[in-house]
PDB file of all heavy atoms in Angstrom:
ATOM      1  N   ILE A   1     -37.097  25.877  33.640  1.00  0.00           N
ATOM      2  CA  ILE A   1     -36.709  24.968  32.598  1.00  0.00           C
ATOM      3  C   ILE A   1     -37.769  25.012  31.464  1.00  0.00           C
ATOM      4  O   ILE A   1     -37.382  24.930  30.270  1.00  0.00           O
ATOM      5  CB  ILE A   1     -36.503  23.527  33.206  1.00  0.00           C
ATOM      6  CG1 ILE A   1     -35.154  23.508  33.983  1.00  0.00           C
ATOM      7  CG2 ILE A   1     -36.384  22.532  31.955  1.00  0.00           C
ATOM      8  CD1 ILE A   1     -35.039  22.174  34.812  1.00  0.00           C
ATOM      9  N   ALA A   2     -39.059  25.038  31.796  1.00  0.00           N
ATOM     10  CA  ALA A   2     -40.055  25.048  30.905  1.00  0.00           C
ATOM     11  C   ALA A   2     -39.913  26.367  29.989  1.00  0.00           C
ATOM     12  O   ALA A   2     -40.197  26.362  28.779  1.00  0.00           O
ATOM     13  CB  ALA A   2     -41.433  24.947  31.527  1.00  0.00           C
ATOM     14  N   PHE A   3     -39.741  27.473  30.682  1.00  0.00           N
ATOM     15  CA  PHE A   3     -39.613  28.765  30.029  1.00  0.00           C
ATOM     16  C   PHE A   3     -38.364  28.804  28.992  1.00  0.00           C
ATOM     17  O   PHE A   3     -38.431  29.156  27.869  1.00  0.00           O
ATOM     18  CB  PHE A   3     -39.442  29.895  30.898  1.00  0.00           C
ATOM     19  CG  PHE A   3     -40.713  30.518  31.359  1.00  0.00           C
ATOM     20  CD1 PHE A   3     -40.954  30.735  32.761  1.00  0.00           C
ATOM     21  CD2 PHE A   3     -41.654  30.966  30.417  1.00  0.00           C
ATOM     22  CE1 PHE A   3     -42.093  31.322  33.230  1.00  0.00           C
ATOM     23  CE2 PHE A   3     -42.830  31.521  30.892  1.00  0.00           C
ATOM     24  CZ  PHE A   3     -43.026  31.698  32.238  1.00  0.00           C
ATOM     25  N   ALA A   4     -37.289  28.043  29.418  1.00  0.00           N
ATOM     26  CA  ALA A   4     -36.166  28.010  28.649  1.00  0.00           C
ATOM     27  C   ALA A   4     -36.322  27.132  27.374  1.00  0.00           C
ATOM     28  O   ALA A   4     -35.871  27.420  26.263  1.00  0.00           O
ATOM     29  CB  ALA A   4     -34.979  27.401  29.403  1.00  0.00           C
ATOM     30  N   VAL A   5     -37.092  25.990  27.643  1.00  0.00           N
ATOM     31  CA  VAL A   5     -37.363  25.021  26.449  1.00  0.00           C
ATOM     32  C   VAL A   5     -38.317  25.786  25.488  1.00  0.00           C
ATOM     33  O   VAL A   5     -38.065  25.721  24.207  1.00  0.00           O
ATOM     34  CB  VAL A   5     -37.961  23.714  27.002  1.00  0.00           C
ATOM     35  CG1 VAL A   5     -38.581  23.017  25.864  1.00  0.00           C
ATOM     36  CG2 VAL A   5     -36.983  22.996  27.697  1.00  0.00           C
ATOM     37  N   VAL A   6     -39.323  26.491  25.904  1.00  0.00           N
ATOM     38  CA  VAL A   6     -40.313  27.232  25.024  1.00  0.00           C
ATOM     39  C   VAL A   6     -39.551  28.330  24.250  1.00  0.00           C
ATOM     40  O   VAL A   6     -39.662  28.429  23.022  1.00  0.00           O
ATOM     41  CB  VAL A   6     -41.493  27.792  25.909  1.00  0.00           C
ATOM     42  CG1 VAL A   6     -42.292  28.779  25.064  1.00  0.00           C
ATOM     43  CG2 VAL A   6     -42.330  26.709  26.450  1.00  0.00           C
ATOM     44  N   PHE A   7     -38.840  29.175  24.969  1.00  0.00           N
ATOM     45  CA  PHE A   7     -38.084  30.264  24.286  1.00  0.00           C
ATOM     46  C   PHE A   7     -36.962  29.651  23.305  1.00  0.00           C
ATOM     47  O   PHE A   7     -36.731  30.239  22.246  1.00  0.00           O
ATOM     48  CB  PHE A   7     -37.458  31.173  25.266  1.00  0.00           C
ATOM     49  CG  PHE A   7     -38.397  32.147  25.723  1.00  0.00           C
ATOM     50  CD1 PHE A   7     -38.723  32.126  27.158  1.00  0.00           C
ATOM     51  CD2 PHE A   7     -39.229  32.955  24.952  1.00  0.00           C
ATOM     52  CE1 PHE A   7     -39.714  32.991  27.712  1.00  0.00           C
ATOM     53  CE2 PHE A   7     -40.139  33.823  25.515  1.00  0.00           C
ATOM     54  CZ  PHE A   7     -40.431  33.887  26.865  1.00  0.00           C
ATOM     55  N   GLY A   8     -36.397  28.510  23.643  1.00  0.00           N
ATOM     56  CA  GLY A   8     -35.389  27.849  22.803  1.00  0.00           C
ATOM     57  C   GLY A   8     -36.054  27.353  21.487  1.00  0.00           C
ATOM     58  O   GLY A   8     -35.557  27.587  20.382  1.00  0.00           O
ATOM     59  N   LEU A   9     -37.232  26.744  21.643  1.00  0.00           N
ATOM     60  CA  LEU A   9     -38.050  26.306  20.459  1.00  0.00           C
ATOM     61  C   LEU A   9     -38.424  27.434  19.643  1.00  0.00           C
ATOM     62  O   LEU A   9     -38.412  27.462  18.339  1.00  0.00           O
ATOM     63  CB  LEU A   9     -39.152  25.423  20.907  1.00  0.00           C
ATOM     64  CG  LEU A   9     -38.718  24.070  21.484  1.00  0.00           C
ATOM     65  CD1 LEU A   9     -40.053  23.345  21.917  1.00  0.00           C
ATOM     66  CD2 LEU A   9     -38.093  23.219  20.373  1.00  0.00           C
ATOM     67  N   LEU A  10     -38.861  28.508  20.311  1.00  0.00           N
ATOM     68  CA  LEU A  10     -39.334  29.684  19.520  1.00  0.00           C
ATOM     69  C   LEU A  10     -38.124  30.340  18.652  1.00  0.00           C
ATOM     70  O   LEU A  10     -38.319  30.744  17.610  1.00  0.00           O
ATOM     71  CB  LEU A  10     -39.984  30.759  20.453  1.00  0.00           C
ATOM     72  CG  LEU A  10     -40.535  32.018  19.848  1.00  0.00           C
ATOM     73  CD1 LEU A  10     -41.692  31.625  18.932  1.00  0.00           C
ATOM     74  CD2 LEU A  10     -40.910  32.918  20.874  1.00  0.00           C
ATOM     75  N   ALA A  11     -36.970  30.402  19.342  1.00  0.00           N
ATOM     76  CA  ALA A  11     -35.829  30.942  18.623  1.00  0.00           C
ATOM     77  C   ALA A  11     -35.451  30.063  17.378  1.00  0.00           C
ATOM     78  O   ALA A  11     -35.071  30.614  16.350  1.00  0.00           O
ATOM     79  CB  ALA A  11     -34.655  31.001  19.671  1.00  0.00           C
ATOM     80  N   VAL A  12     -35.483  28.729  17.528  1.00  0.00           N
ATOM     81  CA  VAL A  12     -35.206  27.863  16.434  1.00  0.00           C
ATOM     82  C   VAL A  12     -36.244  28.052  15.310  1.00  0.00           C
ATOM     83  O   VAL A  12     -35.827  28.104  14.143  1.00  0.00           O
ATOM     84  CB  VAL A  12     -35.219  26.417  16.980  1.00  0.00           C
ATOM     85  CG1 VAL A  12     -35.158  25.440  15.807  1.00  0.00           C
ATOM     86  CG2 VAL A  12     -34.053  26.084  17.860  1.00  0.00           C
ATOM     87  N   PHE A  13     -37.443  28.124  15.690  1.00  0.00           N
ATOM     88  CA  PHE A  13     -38.437  28.341  14.649  1.00  0.00           C
ATOM     89  C   PHE A  13     -38.291  29.680  13.876  1.00  0.00           C
ATOM     90  O   PHE A  13     -38.346  29.677  12.653  1.00  0.00           O
ATOM     91  CB  PHE A  13     -39.848  28.287  15.270  1.00  0.00           C
ATOM     92  CG  PHE A  13     -41.017  28.573  14.318  1.00  0.00           C
ATOM     93  CD1 PHE A  13     -41.363  27.629  13.370  1.00  0.00           C
ATOM     94  CD2 PHE A  13     -41.653  29.761  14.392  1.00  0.00           C
ATOM     95  CE1 PHE A  13     -42.375  27.940  12.455  1.00  0.00           C
ATOM     96  CE2 PHE A  13     -42.686  30.143  13.480  1.00  0.00           C
ATOM     97  CZ  PHE A  13     -42.980  29.163  12.584  1.00  0.00           C
ATOM     98  N   ILE A  14     -37.980  30.685  14.608  1.00  0.00           N
ATOM     99  CA  ILE A  14     -37.740  32.063  13.975  1.00  0.00           C
ATOM    100  C   ILE A  14     -36.590  32.113  13.063  1.00  0.00           C
ATOM    101  O   ILE A  14     -36.593  32.503  12.005  1.00  0.00           O
ATOM    102  CB  ILE A  14     -37.784  33.143  15.025  1.00  0.00           C
ATOM    103  CG1 ILE A  14     -39.116  33.360  15.663  1.00  0.00           C
ATOM    104  CG2 ILE A  14     -37.259  34.422  14.400  1.00  0.00           C
ATOM    105  CD1 ILE A  14     -39.098  34.349  16.914  1.00  0.00           C
ATOM    106  N   ALA A  15     -35.426  31.441  13.580  1.00  0.00           N
ATOM    107  CA  ALA A  15     -34.307  31.430  12.801  1.00  0.00           C
ATOM    108  C   ALA A  15     -34.367  30.514  11.599  1.00  0.00           C
ATOM    109  O   ALA A  15     -33.952  30.925  10.427  1.00  0.00           O
ATOM    110  CB  ALA A  15     -33.074  30.709  13.653  1.00  0.00           C
ATOM    111  N   GLN A  16     -35.099  29.363  11.601  1.00  0.00           N
ATOM    112  CA  GLN A  16     -35.408  28.499  10.403  1.00  0.00           C
ATOM    113  C   GLN A  16     -36.216  29.333   9.435  1.00  0.00           C
ATOM    114  O   GLN A  16     -35.985  29.210   8.281  1.00  0.00           O
ATOM    115  CB  GLN A  16     -36.110  27.222  10.965  1.00  0.00           C
ATOM    116  CG  GLN A  16     -36.253  26.253   9.826  1.00  0.00           C
ATOM    117  CD  GLN A  16     -34.981  25.716   9.310  1.00  0.00           C
ATOM    118  OE1 GLN A  16     -34.044  25.575  10.174  1.00  0.00           O
ATOM    119  NE2 GLN A  16     -34.952  25.436   8.031  1.00  0.00           N
ATOM    120  N   SER A  17     -37.242  30.027   9.872  1.00  0.00           N
ATOM    121  CA  SER A  17     -38.074  30.797   8.926  1.00  0.00           C
ATOM    122  C   SER A  17     -37.313  31.873   8.238  1.00  0.00           C
ATOM    123  O   SER A  17     -37.321  32.164   6.980  1.00  0.00           O
ATOM    124  CB  SER A  17     -39.265  31.554   9.730  1.00  0.00           C
ATOM    125  OG  SER A  17     -40.049  30.478  10.262  1.00  0.00           O
ATOM    126  N   TRP A  18     -36.365  32.568   8.989  1.00  0.00           N
ATOM    127  CA  TRP A  18     -35.573  33.620   8.390  1.00  0.00           C
ATOM    128  C   TRP A  18     -34.583  33.052   7.340  1.00  0.00           C
ATOM    129  O   TRP A  18     -34.386  33.606   6.339  1.00  0.00           O
ATOM    130  CB  TRP A  18     -34.822  34.413   9.424  1.00  0.00           C
ATOM    131  CG  TRP A  18     -34.028  35.489   8.979  1.00  0.00           C
ATOM    132  CD1 TRP A  18     -34.348  36.721   8.583  1.00  0.00           C
ATOM    133  CD2 TRP A  18     -32.567  35.428   8.682  1.00  0.00           C
ATOM    134  NE1 TRP A  18     -33.344  37.455   8.126  1.00  0.00           N
ATOM    135  CE2 TRP A  18     -32.186  36.760   8.223  1.00  0.00           C
ATOM    136  CE3 TRP A  18     -31.545  34.512   8.839  1.00  0.00           C
ATOM    137  CZ2 TRP A  18     -30.901  37.055   7.857  1.00  0.00           C
ATOM    138  CZ3 TRP A  18     -30.362  34.846   8.547  1.00  0.00           C
ATOM    139  CH2 TRP A  18     -29.916  36.131   7.968  1.00  0.00           C
ATOM    140  N   LEU A  19     -33.954  31.927   7.760  1.00  0.00           N
ATOM    141  CA  LEU A  19     -32.977  31.228   6.774  1.00  0.00           C
ATOM    142  C   LEU A  19     -33.696  30.762   5.456  1.00  0.00           C
ATOM    143  O   LEU A  19     -33.138  30.917   4.423  1.00  0.00           O
ATOM    144  CB  LEU A  19     -32.298  30.090   7.476  1.00  0.00           C
ATOM    145  CG  LEU A  19     -31.276  30.503   8.570  1.00  0.00           C
ATOM    146  CD1 LEU A  19     -30.773  29.321   9.215  1.00  0.00           C
ATOM    147  CD2 LEU A  19     -30.040  31.325   7.903  1.00  0.00           C
ATOM    148  N   ASN A  20     -34.926  30.239   5.579  1.00  0.00           N
ATOM    149  CA  ASN A  20     -35.630  29.759   4.500  1.00  0.00           C
ATOM    150  C   ASN A  20     -35.989  30.982   3.561  1.00  0.00           C
ATOM    151  O   ASN A  20     -35.928  30.829   2.354  1.00  0.00           O
ATOM    152  CB  ASN A  20     -36.868  29.008   4.904  1.00  0.00           C
ATOM    153  CG  ASN A  20     -36.662  27.608   5.459  1.00  0.00           C
ATOM    154  OD1 ASN A  20     -35.561  27.134   5.165  1.00  0.00           O
ATOM    155  ND2 ASN A  20     -37.500  27.111   6.180  1.00  0.00           N
ATOM    156  N   GLY A  21     -36.426  32.093   4.132  1.00  0.00           N
ATOM    157  CA  GLY A  21     -36.664  33.299   3.363  1.00  0.00           C
ATOM    158  C   GLY A  21     -35.449  33.774   2.581  1.00  0.00           C
ATOM    159  O   GLY A  21     -35.492  34.217   1.455  1.00  0.00           O
ATOM    160  N   GLN A  22     -34.376  33.817   3.240  1.00  0.00           N
ATOM    161  CA  GLN A  22     -33.067  34.211   2.682  1.00  0.00           C
ATOM    162  C   GLN A  22     -32.674  33.356   1.495  1.00  0.00           C
ATOM    163  O   GLN A  22     -32.201  33.834   0.431  1.00  0.00           O
ATOM    164  CB  GLN A  22     -31.928  34.345   3.663  1.00  0.00           C
ATOM    165  CG  GLN A  22     -32.072  35.359   4.753  1.00  0.00           C
ATOM    166  CD  GLN A  22     -32.089  36.750   4.119  1.00  0.00           C
ATOM    167  OE1 GLN A  22     -31.213  37.051   3.253  1.00  0.00           O
ATOM    168  NE2 GLN A  22     -32.948  37.590   4.527  1.00  0.00           N
ATOM    169  N   ALA A  23     -32.796  32.083   1.704  1.00  0.00           N
ATOM    170  CA  ALA A  23     -32.501  31.141   0.607  1.00  0.00           C
ATOM    171  C   ALA A  23     -33.497  31.301  -0.580  1.00  0.00           C
ATOM    172  O   ALA A  23     -33.011  31.206  -1.713  1.00  0.00           O
ATOM    173  CB  ALA A  23     -32.549  29.675   1.162  1.00  0.00           C
ATOM    174  N   ALA A  24     -34.680  31.448  -0.361  1.00  0.00           N
ATOM    175  CA  ALA A  24     -35.642  31.625  -1.391  1.00  0.00           C
ATOM    176  C   ALA A  24     -35.313  32.980  -2.230  1.00  0.00           C
ATOM    177  O   ALA A  24     -35.381  33.007  -3.491  1.00  0.00           O
ATOM    178  CB  ALA A  24     -37.089  31.747  -0.887  1.00  0.00           C
ATOM    179  N   ARG A  25     -34.864  34.057  -1.528  1.00  0.00           N
ATOM    180  CA  ARG A  25     -34.607  35.302  -2.218  1.00  0.00           C
ATOM    181  C   ARG A  25     -33.273  35.047  -2.992  1.00  0.00           C
ATOM    182  O   ARG A  25     -33.133  35.635  -4.134  1.00  0.00           O
ATOM    183  CB  ARG A  25     -34.375  36.375  -1.280  1.00  0.00           C
ATOM    184  CG  ARG A  25     -35.549  37.212  -1.055  1.00  0.00           C
ATOM    185  CD  ARG A  25     -35.268  38.430  -0.253  1.00  0.00           C
ATOM    186  NE  ARG A  25     -35.999  38.186   0.970  1.00  0.00           N
ATOM    187  CZ  ARG A  25     -35.615  38.576   2.219  1.00  0.00           C
ATOM    188  NH1 ARG A  25     -34.417  39.143   2.345  1.00  0.00           N
ATOM    189  NH2 ARG A  25     -36.202  38.246   3.232  1.00  0.00           N
ATOM    190  N   GLN A  26     -32.338  34.206  -2.468  1.00  0.00           N
ATOM    191  CA  GLN A  26     -31.092  34.080  -3.253  1.00  0.00           C
ATOM    192  C   GLN A  26     -31.288  33.173  -4.444  1.00  0.00           C
ATOM    193  O   GLN A  26     -30.676  33.457  -5.493  1.00  0.00           O
ATOM    194  CB  GLN A  26     -30.093  33.403  -2.270  1.00  0.00           C
ATOM    195  CG  GLN A  26     -28.638  33.643  -2.651  1.00  0.00           C
ATOM    196  CD  GLN A  26     -27.706  33.166  -1.546  1.00  0.00           C
ATOM    197  OE1 GLN A  26     -28.040  32.137  -0.844  1.00  0.00           O
ATOM    198  NE2 GLN A  26     -26.630  33.825  -1.333  1.00  0.00           N
ATOM    199  N   VAL A  27     -32.165  32.275  -4.375  1.00  0.00           N
ATOM    200  CA  VAL A  27     -32.479  31.406  -5.502  1.00  0.00           C
ATOM    201  C   VAL A  27     -33.197  32.126  -6.648  1.00  0.00           C
ATOM    202  O   VAL A  27     -32.841  32.094  -7.773  1.00  0.00           O
ATOM    203  CB  VAL A  27     -33.277  30.218  -5.116  1.00  0.00           C
ATOM    204  CG1 VAL A  27     -33.855  29.458  -6.330  1.00  0.00           C
ATOM    205  CG2 VAL A  27     -32.478  29.235  -4.318  1.00  0.00           C
ATOM    206  N   ALA A  28     -34.053  33.028  -6.163  1.00  0.00           N
ATOM    207  CA  ALA A  28     -34.778  33.829  -7.244  1.00  0.00           C
ATOM    208  C   ALA A  28     -33.907  34.910  -7.883  1.00  0.00           C
ATOM    209  O   ALA A  28     -34.098  35.247  -9.010  1.00  0.00           O
ATOM    210  CB  ALA A  28     -35.885  34.513  -6.528  1.00  0.00           C
ATOM    211  N   GLY A  29     -32.971  35.308  -7.171  1.00  0.00           N
ATOM    212  CA  GLY A  29     -31.987  36.284  -7.819  1.00  0.00           C
ATOM    213  C   GLY A  29     -32.538  37.685  -7.888  1.00  0.00           C
ATOM    214  O   GLY A  29     -33.821  37.836  -7.504  1.00  0.00           O
ATOM    215  N   PRO A  30     -31.895  38.724  -8.224  1.00  0.00           N
ATOM    216  CA  PRO A  30     -32.432  40.001  -8.309  1.00  0.00           C
ATOM    217  C   PRO A  30     -33.447  40.048  -9.426  1.00  0.00           C
ATOM    218  O   PRO A  30     -33.240  39.384 -10.510  1.00  0.00           O
ATOM    219  CB  PRO A  30     -31.224  40.856  -8.692  1.00  0.00           C
ATOM    220  CG  PRO A  30     -30.272  39.915  -9.233  1.00  0.00           C
ATOM    221  CD  PRO A  30     -30.462  38.609  -8.626  1.00  0.00           C
ATOM    222  N   ALA A  31     -34.409  40.893  -9.271  1.00  0.00           N
ATOM    223  CA  ALA A  31     -35.429  41.012 -10.381  1.00  0.00           C
ATOM    224  C   ALA A  31     -34.839  41.638 -11.663  1.00  0.00           C
ATOM    225  O   ALA A  31     -34.091  42.515 -11.566  1.00  0.00           O
ATOM    226  CB  ALA A  31     -36.614  41.848  -9.949  1.00  0.00           C
ATOM    227  N   PRO A  32     -35.097  41.024 -12.748  1.00  0.00           N
ATOM    228  CA  PRO A  32     -34.539  41.638 -14.034  1.00  0.00           C
ATOM    229  C   PRO A  32     -35.039  42.993 -14.329  1.00  0.00           C
ATOM    230  O   PRO A  32     -36.251  43.188 -14.211  1.00  0.00           O
ATOM    231  CB  PRO A  32     -34.896  40.572 -15.058  1.00  0.00           C
ATOM    232  CG  PRO A  32     -36.007  39.892 -14.550  1.00  0.00           C
ATOM    233  CD  PRO A  32     -35.977  39.840 -13.002  1.00  0.00           C
TER     234      PRO A  32
END
């Protein structure tokens, strides 16, 4: 159960970081 909780939290952190990066790239748009 402890391993499942740790890996679940790690997965959430990695997914959140990736989504934030994608959103920042989309807001910036392509380089002119």
